[in-house]
Structures are given as C-alpha cells and as structure tokens.
Protein backbone atom coordinates (compact mmCIF):
# COMPACT_ATOMS: atom_id res chain seq x y z
CA MET A 1 0.00 0.00 0.00
CA ASP A 2 1.17 3.53 -0.78
CA HIS A 3 2.40 4.93 2.55
CA LYS A 4 0.64 8.21 1.76
CA LEU A 5 -2.64 6.38 2.25
CA LYS A 6 -1.59 4.99 5.64
CA MET A 7 0.10 6.49 8.67
CA THR A 8 1.92 4.35 11.21
CA VAL A 9 2.40 5.48 14.80
CA ALA A 10 4.86 3.74 17.09
CA ILE A 11 4.32 3.95 20.83
CA VAL A 12 7.61 3.08 22.52
CA GLY A 13 6.68 2.02 26.03
CA SER A 14 3.39 0.35 26.88
CA GLY A 15 2.88 1.26 30.51
CA ALA A 16 -0.09 3.35 31.61
CA SER A 17 1.09 6.49 29.76
CA GLY A 18 1.64 4.58 26.53
CA VAL A 19 -1.75 2.91 26.88
CA THR A 20 -3.59 6.20 27.36
CA CYS A 21 -1.97 7.45 24.13
CA PHE A 22 -3.14 4.29 22.36
CA ILE A 23 -6.70 4.61 23.69
CA GLN A 24 -6.98 8.28 22.79
CA LEU A 25 -5.58 7.74 19.29
CA VAL A 26 -8.06 4.95 18.60
CA LEU A 27 -11.01 6.92 19.93
CA LYS A 28 -10.15 10.15 18.14
CA TYR A 29 -9.47 8.35 14.87
CA ILE A 30 -12.89 6.67 15.00
CA ILE A 31 -14.62 9.96 15.76
CA THR A 32 -12.85 12.11 13.15
CA LYS A 33 -12.93 9.43 10.41
CA PRO A 34 -9.86 10.59 8.44
CA SER A 35 -9.27 9.20 4.96
CA LYS A 36 -5.88 7.67 5.79
CA ILE A 37 -5.60 4.27 7.41
CA LEU A 38 -4.16 4.30 10.92
CA SER A 39 -1.63 1.70 12.01
CA ILE A 40 -0.36 1.56 15.60
CA ILE A 41 2.56 -0.49 16.87
CA LEU A 42 2.97 -0.89 20.63
CA PHE A 43 6.51 -1.66 21.79
CA GLU A 44 7.29 -2.99 25.26
CA LYS A 45 10.66 -4.29 26.43
CA LYS A 46 9.61 -5.51 29.88
CA GLY A 47 6.96 -8.03 30.81
CA GLU A 48 3.31 -7.49 30.04
CA PHE A 49 1.71 -4.76 27.96
CA GLY A 50 -0.25 -2.23 29.98
CA THR A 51 1.14 -2.58 33.47
CA GLY A 52 4.61 -1.11 33.29
CA LEU A 53 7.04 -1.82 36.13
CA ALA A 54 5.08 -0.22 38.96
CA TYR A 55 1.63 -1.61 38.17
CA GLY A 56 2.98 -5.02 37.21
CA THR A 57 4.12 -5.73 40.76
CA GLY A 58 3.00 -9.02 42.24
CA GLN A 59 3.02 -7.53 45.75
CA GLU A 60 -0.44 -6.77 47.10
CA GLY A 61 1.10 -4.47 49.71
CA HIS A 62 2.25 -2.08 46.97
CA LEU A 63 -0.54 0.49 47.05
CA LEU A 64 -1.26 3.40 44.76
CA ASN A 65 0.25 6.56 46.20
CA THR A 66 -2.43 8.62 44.46
CA LYS A 67 -6.07 8.25 45.42
CA ALA A 68 -8.24 6.19 43.09
CA GLY A 69 -10.36 9.22 42.19
CA LEU A 70 -7.49 10.68 40.15
CA MET A 71 -6.46 7.54 38.28
CA GLY A 72 -8.85 7.39 35.31
CA LEU A 73 -7.13 6.72 31.97
CA PHE A 74 -9.34 9.16 30.07
CA PRO A 75 -8.86 12.96 29.99
CA GLN A 76 -11.28 14.87 32.22
CA GLU A 77 -12.64 11.51 33.45
CA ARG A 78 -10.52 11.02 36.53
CA LEU A 79 -13.19 8.91 38.25
CA HIS A 80 -13.22 6.34 35.45
CA PHE A 81 -11.08 3.88 37.44
CA VAL A 82 -13.48 4.14 40.38
CA GLN A 83 -16.42 3.53 38.05
CA TRP A 84 -14.62 0.50 36.60
CA MET A 85 -14.15 -0.88 40.11
CA HIS A 86 -17.87 -0.47 40.76
CA ASP A 87 -18.69 -2.18 37.45
CA HIS A 88 -16.48 -5.16 38.44
CA LYS A 89 -17.29 -5.12 42.13
CA ASP A 90 -18.05 -8.85 42.46
CA ARG A 91 -14.78 -9.90 40.86
CA ILE A 92 -12.78 -7.37 42.86
CA GLU A 93 -14.38 -8.49 46.14
CA GLN A 94 -13.16 -12.02 45.43
CA GLU A 95 -9.60 -11.10 44.42
CA PHE A 96 -9.10 -8.00 46.62
CA PRO A 97 -11.59 -8.26 49.52
CA GLN A 98 -9.94 -5.38 51.37
CA VAL A 99 -10.46 -2.88 48.54
CA SER A 100 -13.15 -0.23 48.69
CA PRO A 101 -14.17 1.23 45.28
CA HIS A 102 -14.11 4.76 46.65
CA PRO A 103 -12.50 7.91 45.16
CA ASP A 104 -10.39 8.39 48.30
CA ALA A 105 -9.18 4.77 48.44
CA TYR A 106 -5.61 3.64 47.71
CA PRO A 107 -6.03 0.21 46.07
CA PRO A 108 -3.16 -2.19 45.30
CA ARG A 109 -1.19 -1.29 42.19
CA MET A 110 -1.68 -4.77 40.82
CA LEU A 111 -5.43 -4.05 40.74
CA TYR A 112 -4.77 -0.83 38.87
CA GLY A 113 -2.60 -2.80 36.45
CA LYS A 114 -5.59 -5.05 35.73
CA TYR A 115 -7.66 -1.93 34.96
CA VAL A 116 -5.06 -0.61 32.52
CA GLN A 117 -4.85 -3.99 30.80
CA ALA A 118 -8.65 -4.20 30.62
CA MET A 119 -8.81 -0.80 28.90
CA LEU A 120 -6.02 -1.79 26.51
CA ASP A 121 -7.86 -5.00 25.62
CA GLU A 122 -11.16 -3.17 25.12
CA TYR A 123 -9.72 -0.55 22.78
CA TRP A 124 -7.53 -3.11 21.04
CA GLN A 125 -10.65 -5.01 20.01
CA LEU A 126 -12.42 -1.76 19.09
CA ALA A 127 -9.47 -0.72 16.90
CA ARG A 128 -9.57 -4.00 14.99
CA GLN A 129 -13.34 -3.73 14.52
CA LYS A 130 -12.94 -0.25 13.04
CA GLY A 131 -10.21 -1.18 10.58
CA ILE A 132 -7.26 0.19 12.53
CA GLU A 133 -4.15 -1.93 12.11
CA VAL A 134 -2.65 -2.76 15.51
CA SER A 135 0.28 -4.90 16.61
CA LYS A 136 2.30 -5.57 19.74
CA GLN A 137 6.06 -6.06 19.67
CA GLN A 138 7.74 -7.29 22.85
CA VAL A 139 11.16 -5.94 21.97
CA GLU A 140 13.45 -3.15 23.12
CA ILE A 141 13.82 -0.31 20.63
CA VAL A 142 17.42 0.90 20.83
CA ASP A 143 17.95 3.07 17.76
CA ALA A 144 16.19 5.26 15.21
CA GLU A 145 17.05 6.83 11.87
CA VAL A 146 15.03 9.64 10.31
CA GLN A 147 14.75 9.29 6.53
CA LYS A 148 14.67 12.13 4.00
CA ASP A 149 10.87 11.89 3.82
CA LYS A 150 10.78 12.28 7.66
CA ARG A 151 9.67 8.70 8.20
CA VAL A 152 11.56 6.82 10.89
CA ILE A 153 13.26 3.45 10.91
CA LEU A 154 13.20 2.02 14.43
CA ARG A 155 15.62 -0.76 15.29
CA SER A 156 15.31 -3.29 18.08
CA ALA A 157 18.03 -4.85 20.20
CA SER A 158 17.62 -8.00 18.07
CA ASP A 159 18.24 -5.90 14.93
CA HIS A 160 14.68 -5.98 13.59
CA SER A 161 13.58 -2.77 11.85
CA TYR A 162 10.20 -1.04 11.73
CA LEU A 163 9.27 1.79 9.35
CA VAL A 164 6.88 4.31 10.95
CA ASP A 165 5.66 7.85 10.40
CA TYR A 166 5.56 9.04 14.01
CA VAL A 167 7.08 7.90 17.30
CA ILE A 168 5.66 8.52 20.79
CA LEU A 169 8.41 8.30 23.41
CA ALA A 170 6.56 6.95 26.46
CA THR A 171 9.64 5.19 27.74
CA GLY A 172 8.70 5.37 31.42
CA THR A 173 10.80 6.01 34.49
CA PRO A 174 14.55 5.43 34.06
CA GLU A 175 16.80 3.84 36.62
CA ALA A 176 18.86 5.88 39.07
CA ALA A 177 22.16 7.19 37.76
CA THR A 178 23.93 6.96 41.11
CA PHE A 179 26.47 4.46 42.52
CA GLU A 180 27.75 3.17 39.21
CA ASN A 181 30.74 1.81 41.15
CA LEU A 182 28.53 -0.77 42.86
CA LYS A 183 27.01 -2.38 39.78
CA SER A 184 29.60 -5.14 39.63
CA SER A 185 28.47 -6.52 42.99
CA GLU A 186 25.90 -9.34 42.98
CA ARG A 187 24.53 -7.93 46.24
CA TYR A 188 23.70 -4.56 44.70
CA ILE A 189 20.20 -4.10 43.26
CA ASP A 190 20.10 -1.02 41.05
CA SER A 191 16.30 -0.60 41.17
CA PRO A 192 13.42 -1.81 43.36
CA TRP A 193 11.55 -2.72 40.18
CA PRO A 194 10.54 -5.32 39.30
CA SER A 195 10.06 -6.34 42.93
CA LYS A 196 10.80 -9.99 42.19
CA ARG A 197 14.47 -9.01 41.76
CA ILE A 198 14.63 -8.17 45.47
CA ILE A 199 12.96 -11.45 46.46
CA ARG A 200 15.15 -13.47 44.12
CA THR A 201 18.42 -11.81 45.19
CA ILE A 202 17.99 -11.54 48.98
CA LYS A 203 17.45 -15.07 50.29
CA ASP A 204 18.80 -14.46 53.81
CA LYS A 205 15.83 -13.12 55.80
CA HIS A 206 18.16 -11.81 58.52
CA ALA A 207 20.59 -9.94 56.26
CA LYS A 208 21.34 -6.27 56.86
CA ILE A 209 19.74 -4.26 54.06
CA SER A 210 20.41 -0.65 53.13
CA ILE A 211 17.92 1.09 50.85
CA VAL A 212 19.36 4.19 49.22
CA GLY A 213 16.67 6.86 49.47
CA SER A 214 13.72 7.44 51.78
CA SER A 215 10.97 8.47 49.35
CA LEU A 216 8.01 6.53 47.95
CA THR A 217 10.28 4.29 45.87
CA ALA A 218 12.32 3.37 48.95
CA ILE A 219 9.11 2.57 50.79
CA ASP A 220 8.09 0.26 47.93
CA ALA A 221 11.35 -1.65 48.43
CA LEU A 222 10.74 -1.76 52.19
CA ILE A 223 7.22 -3.13 51.70
CA THR A 224 8.55 -5.81 49.34
CA LEU A 225 11.09 -6.97 51.93
CA VAL A 226 8.74 -7.00 54.91
CA ALA A 227 5.81 -8.55 53.02
CA ASN A 228 8.11 -11.43 52.07
CA GLY A 229 9.18 -12.14 55.62
CA HIS A 230 12.42 -10.21 55.99
CA LYS A 231 13.40 -10.05 59.68
CA GLY A 232 16.81 -8.40 59.53
CA PRO A 233 17.62 -4.70 60.04
CA ILE A 234 16.79 -2.27 57.24
CA THR A 235 18.12 1.26 56.84
CA PHE A 236 17.02 4.11 54.62
CA PHE A 237 20.27 5.84 53.65
CA SER A 238 19.48 9.17 52.01
CA LEU A 239 20.72 12.67 51.37
CA ARG A 240 18.35 14.42 53.78
CA GLY A 241 16.62 11.55 55.57
CA LEU A 242 13.16 12.90 54.78
CA LEU A 243 10.22 10.50 54.97
CA PRO A 244 7.06 11.28 52.98
CA ARG A 245 4.18 12.52 55.06
CA VAL A 246 0.92 10.59 55.42
CA GLN A 247 -2.23 10.90 53.31
CA SER A 248 -5.43 11.97 55.02
CA ALA A 249 -8.49 9.74 54.62
CA SER A 250 -9.89 12.41 52.31
CA GLU A 251 -8.58 15.67 50.92
CA LYS A 252 -9.58 18.72 52.87
CA PRO A 253 -10.48 21.65 50.59
CA PHE A 254 -8.31 24.70 51.12
CA GLN A 255 -9.14 28.15 49.76
CA ARG A 256 -5.86 29.89 49.02
CA LYS A 257 -5.75 33.66 49.41
CA VAL A 258 -2.06 34.44 48.81
CA LEU A 259 -0.41 31.62 46.84
CA THR A 260 -2.54 32.00 43.73
CA LEU A 261 -1.81 32.22 40.04
CA SER A 262 -3.37 35.67 40.01
CA THR A 263 -1.06 36.90 42.77
CA ILE A 264 1.96 35.46 40.99
CA LYS A 265 1.03 37.11 37.69
CA THR A 266 0.55 40.41 39.51
CA LEU A 267 3.96 40.04 41.17
CA ILE A 268 5.62 39.45 37.78
CA ARG A 269 3.87 42.44 36.23
CA GLU A 270 4.57 44.86 39.06
CA ASN A 271 8.23 43.83 39.50
CA ARG A 272 8.76 43.54 35.74
CA ARG A 273 10.88 40.44 36.14
CA SER A 274 10.45 36.69 35.93
CA LEU A 275 9.22 34.54 38.79
CA ARG A 276 11.79 33.35 41.31
CA VAL A 277 11.84 30.44 43.74
CA LYS A 278 12.18 32.81 46.67
CA ASP A 279 8.88 34.44 45.59
CA LEU A 280 7.13 31.08 45.90
CA ILE A 281 8.67 30.45 49.32
CA ARG A 282 7.54 33.86 50.53
CA LEU A 283 4.00 33.39 49.19
CA PHE A 284 3.73 29.90 50.70
CA ARG A 285 4.83 31.15 54.09
CA SER A 286 2.39 34.06 53.91
CA GLU A 287 -0.40 31.63 53.06
CA VAL A 288 0.38 29.46 56.08
CA GLU A 289 0.77 32.35 58.49
CA GLY A 290 -2.38 34.02 57.20
CA TYR A 291 -4.38 30.86 57.85
CA LEU A 292 -2.88 30.39 61.33
CA GLU A 293 -3.17 34.13 62.08
CA ARG A 294 0.31 34.13 63.60
CA LYS A 295 3.95 34.21 62.62
CA LEU A 296 5.87 30.94 62.46
CA ASN A 297 9.46 30.25 63.42
CA TRP A 298 10.23 28.45 60.16
CA ALA A 299 13.46 27.00 61.51
CA THR A 300 11.36 24.79 63.81
CA GLU A 301 9.53 23.37 60.77
CA GLU A 302 12.77 21.87 59.46
CA ARG A 303 12.55 18.05 59.47
CA VAL A 304 16.19 17.17 58.86
CA ASN A 305 18.03 15.59 61.81
CA LYS A 306 14.86 15.11 63.85
CA ASN A 307 13.41 11.97 65.39
CA HIS A 308 11.72 10.15 62.54
CA LEU A 309 9.33 8.19 64.72
CA GLN A 310 8.09 11.31 66.48
CA LEU A 311 7.66 13.10 63.16
CA LEU A 312 5.75 10.18 61.68
CA GLU A 313 3.48 9.81 64.71
CA GLU A 314 2.60 13.49 64.43
CA ASP A 315 2.05 13.14 60.66
CA ILE A 316 -0.33 10.23 61.27
CA ARG A 317 -2.22 12.24 63.88
CA GLN A 318 -2.57 15.18 61.49
CA ALA A 319 -3.64 12.90 58.65
CA MET A 320 -6.31 11.27 60.82
CA ASN A 321 -7.67 14.70 61.71
CA GLY A 322 -7.29 16.11 58.21
CA ASP A 323 -5.32 19.09 59.50
CA SER A 324 -2.01 18.68 57.69
CA LEU A 325 -1.86 22.30 56.59
CA PHE A 326 1.14 22.09 54.26
CA GLN A 327 -0.40 19.14 52.44
CA ASN A 328 -3.79 20.78 52.17
CA ILE A 329 -2.26 23.87 50.58
CA LEU A 330 -0.17 21.91 48.08
CA TYR A 331 -3.03 19.58 47.12
CA SER A 332 -5.21 22.62 46.50
CA LEU A 333 -2.53 23.75 44.01
CA ARG A 334 -2.86 20.59 41.91
CA GLU A 335 -4.58 22.29 38.97
CA GLU A 336 -2.28 25.34 38.99
CA THR A 337 1.15 23.79 39.69
CA TYR A 338 2.00 23.30 36.03
CA ALA A 339 0.99 26.84 35.08
CA ILE A 340 3.22 28.19 37.86
CA TRP A 341 6.09 25.87 36.90
CA LYS A 342 6.05 27.21 33.34
CA LEU A 343 6.55 30.73 34.69
CA LEU A 344 9.90 29.81 36.25
CA PRO A 345 12.96 30.35 34.03
CA VAL A 346 15.27 27.39 33.67
CA ASP A 347 17.78 28.57 36.29
CA GLN A 348 14.98 28.89 38.85
CA LYS A 349 13.63 25.45 37.96
CA ILE A 350 17.08 24.00 38.63
CA LEU A 351 17.17 25.81 41.97
CA PHE A 352 13.68 24.53 42.85
CA VAL A 353 14.66 20.93 42.10
CA LYS A 354 17.83 21.23 44.17
CA TRP A 355 16.47 22.93 47.28
CA ILE A 356 12.66 22.92 47.34
CA LYS A 357 11.48 19.78 45.55
CA PRO A 358 12.40 17.33 48.36
CA TYR A 359 10.10 19.23 50.72
CA PHE A 360 7.45 19.69 48.04
CA ASP A 361 7.51 15.95 47.34
CA ILE A 362 7.13 14.70 50.92
CA ASN A 363 3.94 16.75 51.22
CA ARG A 364 2.50 16.47 47.72
CA HIS A 365 3.47 12.79 47.29
CA ALA A 366 2.61 11.33 50.67
CA VAL A 367 2.09 7.68 51.67
CA PRO A 368 -1.30 6.05 52.22
CA MET A 369 -2.26 5.72 55.89
CA GLU A 370 -1.87 1.92 55.77
CA ASN A 371 1.77 2.22 54.76
CA GLY A 372 2.39 5.07 57.18
CA ILE A 373 1.32 2.81 60.06
CA LYS A 374 3.54 -0.01 58.76
CA ILE A 375 6.56 2.32 58.69
CA MET A 376 5.74 3.60 62.19
CA ASN A 377 5.65 0.05 63.57
CA LEU A 378 8.95 -0.80 61.87
CA LEU A 379 10.56 2.28 63.42
CA LYS A 380 9.14 1.36 66.83
CA SER A 381 10.51 -2.17 66.59
CA LYS A 382 13.84 -0.70 65.45
CA GLN A 383 13.90 -2.98 62.42
CA LEU A 384 13.93 0.21 60.33
CA GLU A 385 16.32 3.12 60.79
CA VAL A 386 16.46 6.29 58.71
CA ILE A 387 19.93 7.77 58.20
CA GLY A 388 20.34 11.20 56.61
CA ASN A 389 23.33 13.21 55.44
CA SER A 390 24.58 10.28 53.38
CA GLU A 391 27.87 10.67 51.58
CA ASP A 392 29.25 7.48 50.06
CA ILE A 393 28.87 3.71 49.70
CA LYS A 394 31.71 1.32 48.93
CA TRP A 395 32.11 -2.43 48.70
CA LYS A 396 34.82 -3.59 51.11
CA GLY A 397 35.58 -7.25 51.70
CA ASN A 398 32.19 -8.91 51.87
CA LYS A 399 30.18 -5.91 53.10
CA PHE A 400 28.93 -2.57 51.87
CA VAL A 401 30.31 0.31 53.93
CA LEU A 402 28.09 3.37 54.09
CA LYS A 403 29.48 6.68 55.27
CA THR A 404 27.72 9.87 56.37
CA GLU A 405 29.00 13.44 56.21
CA ASP A 406 29.84 13.44 59.92
CA GLY A 407 32.13 10.44 59.48
CA HIS A 408 29.87 7.71 60.88
CA THR A 409 29.96 4.38 59.04
CA TYR A 410 27.37 1.63 58.66
CA LYS A 411 27.61 -1.82 57.14
CA ALA A 412 25.12 -3.72 54.98
CA ASP A 413 24.95 -7.11 53.30
CA PHE A 414 22.80 -5.83 50.42
CA VAL A 415 22.10 -2.41 48.91
CA ILE A 416 18.94 -1.49 47.00
CA ASN A 417 19.13 1.75 45.02
CA ALA A 418 15.86 3.66 45.40
CA SER A 419 17.42 7.11 45.14
CA GLY A 420 15.10 8.20 42.35
CA PRO A 421 15.26 8.20 38.56
CA ALA A 422 17.83 10.04 36.49
CA SER A 423 16.47 13.35 35.26
CA VAL A 424 19.19 14.27 32.75
CA ILE A 425 18.79 12.48 29.41
CA HIS A 426 22.44 11.55 28.96
CA LYS A 427 22.35 9.84 32.38
CA MET A 428 19.29 7.71 31.53
CA GLU A 429 21.63 4.92 30.48
CA ASP A 430 19.03 2.15 30.64
CA GLN A 431 16.93 3.96 28.00
CA LYS A 432 19.03 3.18 24.96
CA LEU A 433 16.68 4.76 22.44
CA LEU A 434 16.92 8.15 24.14
CA GLN A 435 20.72 7.86 24.13
CA ALA A 436 20.67 7.10 20.39
CA LEU A 437 18.35 10.02 19.66
CA LEU A 438 20.53 12.35 21.70
CA SER A 439 23.75 11.26 20.01
CA LYS A 440 22.17 11.89 16.58
CA LYS A 441 20.81 15.26 17.75
CA TYR A 442 17.19 14.26 17.07
CA ILE A 443 16.45 15.43 20.61
CA GLN A 444 18.05 18.12 22.74
CA GLU A 445 18.36 18.26 26.51
CA TYR A 446 16.55 20.88 28.56
CA GLY A 447 18.58 22.63 31.24
CA ALA A 448 16.34 21.53 34.12
CA GLY A 449 16.17 17.90 32.94
CA GLY A 450 14.57 15.82 30.22
CA LEU A 451 14.31 16.90 26.59
CA ILE A 452 12.75 19.84 24.76
CA VAL A 453 9.24 19.62 23.31
CA ASP A 454 6.55 22.03 22.19
CA LEU A 455 4.36 22.17 25.30
CA ASN A 456 1.23 22.75 23.22
CA THR A 457 1.61 19.50 21.29
CA LEU A 458 4.37 17.53 23.10
CA ARG A 459 6.13 17.25 19.76
CA VAL A 460 9.92 17.17 20.03
CA LYS A 461 11.37 20.48 18.91
CA ASP A 462 14.22 20.78 16.48
CA VAL A 463 15.85 23.82 18.02
CA SER A 464 18.25 24.25 15.10
CA SER A 465 15.48 24.64 12.53
CA GLU A 466 11.76 25.26 12.17
CA GLU A 467 11.07 21.80 10.80
CA ARG A 468 8.61 19.56 12.61
CA THR A 469 10.08 16.31 13.86
CA PRO A 470 8.37 12.89 13.80
CA PHE A 471 8.90 12.41 17.55
CA TYR A 472 6.59 13.09 20.49
CA ALA A 473 7.38 12.59 24.19
CA LEU A 474 5.28 11.98 27.29
CA GLY A 475 6.07 11.48 30.96
CA HIS A 476 9.54 11.28 32.43
CA PRO A 477 11.44 12.13 29.20
CA ILE A 478 10.16 15.71 29.63
CA THR A 479 10.58 15.92 33.41
CA GLY A 480 12.28 19.32 33.36
CA LEU A 481 9.54 21.02 31.37
CA GLN A 482 6.73 19.38 33.32
CA LEU A 483 7.01 19.00 37.08
CA ASP A 484 4.13 16.52 37.55
CA VAL A 485 5.34 13.74 35.23
CA ASN A 486 5.04 11.20 38.08
CA SER A 487 1.31 11.89 38.30
CA LEU A 488 -0.66 9.73 35.89
CA TRP A 489 -3.67 12.08 35.87
CA PHE A 490 -1.33 14.79 34.54
CA ASN A 491 0.16 12.55 31.85
CA VAL A 492 -3.35 11.53 30.75
CA GLU A 493 -4.23 15.18 30.14
CA GLN A 494 -0.96 15.81 28.33
CA ALA A 495 -1.63 12.77 26.14
CA ASP A 496 -4.83 14.53 25.12
CA LEU A 497 -2.77 17.38 23.62
CA LEU A 498 -0.34 14.96 22.02
CA THR A 499 -2.98 12.81 20.33
CA ASP A 500 -4.91 15.88 19.18
CA ASP A 501 -1.82 17.00 17.28
CA LEU A 502 -1.20 13.53 15.87
CA ILE A 503 -4.76 13.23 14.60
CA ARG A 504 -4.31 16.56 12.80
CA GLN A 505 -1.53 14.93 10.79
CA PHE A 506 -4.10 12.50 9.36
CA GLN A 507 -6.26 15.21 7.85
C-alpha cells in the first residue's frame, strides 16, 4: 500500500502512559474518520503490555500513592477507574476483599494494572473492529534513523527494523544514575523494580539491608522486603533523611488567598521580572501564616536531623484529623502547579529541584495511611532506621560500607538503590533509544532535565530549525519542562494534547 494512504504510529513504552496514548488515538481516529488508514505499533521491552514496572508488581502491599479518584485513563474523566471498580465489584471483592471502590481509596497497584490492561484490551478489540491496524512487539527499541521523507526506521536490540511515520516516546521512568561503582556486585540491586528481583536476590531473611533513598520508591522496596518475611535490620540511607508525610483519609479543601496564580502574575507584572523560587517560598509562608493568624518560626519546621518516629506519629495524627496544613495547601494547588512551573525560568527550575522539591515531594506525594502505620511500627521495633546526610557507599571485603558526612559508618549485606530516577537524558543509560536520539541530535536536553518539546503538542522540537520532527514525548522524558510527570492524571491530560496533534496529521 502507498504509505501516503496509511500512517503508522509507534508507541515506545506500553505502561499506563503509553496505553492512554493508544486509547486516545483509537477513539479520536474513529470519531474524526480521516481518509488515511491508521496503524499503531505498541513496543514494550519488559513483561506485560499495559502494566509497566510499577503496576505489574506481584506484591499486594504495593498500594497506589495517588487516590483512586485521580487515576482514570481518560482525559477529564478522573473517576473512570473508580467507576470501573464499581462495574467489576463482584470480581474485585473475590480477588481483593480489602479494597473499597471509593474515590479516596488507595487500592493495590496490581489491581490498577488489571484496569489498565482491561482498557487496553477493550480498545484493542475496538481498533480492529474499526479497521485500525494494531500490533504488539515485545522488543526493546534501541535506535532510530530519520529518513529524508521524515519517516523513521526504528531498530530493536535484536536488529529488527520497523518503518513508521511518528514515534511517541513513552519510555517510562529510568533507573537511578547513582552508585555506578557498585554495579559489579551481585549484592547490589540497582532498582526496586521489578520487585521480584529483590525477592530473588535476597534469600537471607536476617541480612542487613540498606535502601538508598527514603521516598516513595524506597518505601516500595521496604514493603517488598517485609511482606516477604524479611526479619533483619533495614536502613534508609538518604541525602536528607526525609520521609514522605501521610495521606489523610480524604482531601480537605483549602481556599488559598495568597499563593494563587493571580497573585503570581501580579507580582511578575509589578516587578517587571520573571518569577523566582524565593517568591514562591515567601508566598507559601504568607499563606500558612495568614491561615494560622500568627507568625511561624520556620526554623522549627525543618525536618532534617529530627526523630523520625516522632515526626511520623505526628504526621499520622494530622492525617487522621485532616489538618495537615502544608499538604492541604499543596493539594489545592494541583490544577495550577504546572501553570506556575512554566513561569519559572530554567535557572529557577534547577534551583527549585535542588532545594525545594524534596520538601514539596514529601507533602505532595505522601504515603497512604496503611503504609504510614507499617513504617511507624517498623521504626518502633527498630527494624527500620532512617539515616540522613549520606555521603558514600563502597564495597569492602564482603560488606557494603556506608558513610555519612559526619564520618559515621554503617555496614550492609545488600544495597537497593531507590534514590530516584535520572532526570538528565544523557544519564538515563538504561533507556538506549533516548541515548541514540541524543547522540544523533534528534532530541536536545533541557537545562532543568529531560528533553525539549513544544508544550502545546508535546512534539519534540528541532531547536536548530523550524522543521517539525516525527517524535513526540510523554512522561519522564520531559521531566524538566513538566514538574508533575510522576502523576498519571497529569500525563493523561498531556496525552490529550499529544494525540490531538497527531490526529491533525491525518487530515
């Protein structure tokens, strides 16, 4: 068939973000009825299609860290997952009797993975019924070559080639780029995902385990260990030693009066300069103090080098009462965060990531109450210890030696790296396609992380010319331009822009 009569779209990465692109493409193609035939190829290098690493976990204790009411796979239909749970209530009660199909619930990720797969299956069948050509390729795409006619040849690790018109880079979350010196050790696990790696590698249930990091990813690794009967001591070994705070049973509405988009725009206009991180800090503090009707000694709000058990017990108390003020303010900002982020110049974004984001994350990305209580009990029993001010880890003899800035040392039998994904493209070494695209200058790095795209379409920008490229990107590959790339609800809405632009290419 003449390729002018057919357009082929490759979706590289078939986790939840890739699936929402697939669904939206199918639906929009059916509705608009373009004259060209649509062909979609889904590529997935790991495991099953639809689940990705996080939602493909076999651990029931791995819960969603975002409430169910935000997890719908369709734009502006955030409750769709909850509705799906209601529609399949009998089956869910049998497989997951503890799950409540409620917008404020935090169901197991493996249940959410079943939802994503169900939606993929439904729209896969719909696509075939409507004459859309669809195929799945369980291969790793490692290279690409743009032809003179702007079509792309994708190449797999097994040296198969695929000729396509457009490529969606939904490559998911990369591995951490830290502690490269430890990779040669069989006792070093460079990522908590997939969780079966931890179970398969650590057979000794009394071994000393150090988990690098103390965020949600570190807690996932902790849950994997404990759920599978680990009895030995576990340490979180992290830069600041900050634990995420605890989710309230339901979000408490907060009406902001100071930290608003309107106030920020006014500040920019009146000062005739760009937004700065210190402006956001000042506005946040004013918002808090205005609500409390008193000044705060902000030094006392610092959480570094404080008793983690006491902090967590207070966080749980606040979550139970719904009066976690910092969380309530930041959750109320959910719909405006991206608009504010775009107002920061690149140097201020870099500053935000370095100094503010850790504190933003522990409030905005908190743990479900169930996991908060588990962590509290592990701290009480002293099986878990949180160590901040980390500096270095080395393999010496038959042990890992961990050192803090004050010179203290700790030993571990195994190390699990949960320090967070690489944010700079050239450090995302496990994502070989991105490395190939970067080396050929098909993509360019953004100063605050990720690559450069047109934010109105998510189409990769060719900064050196005005030509439109055949690449689109979604999720972590554009982490610097979009702060909320770890939030699926945000990626779903961005996929709406992306697929709108793709469908226009069919006209």
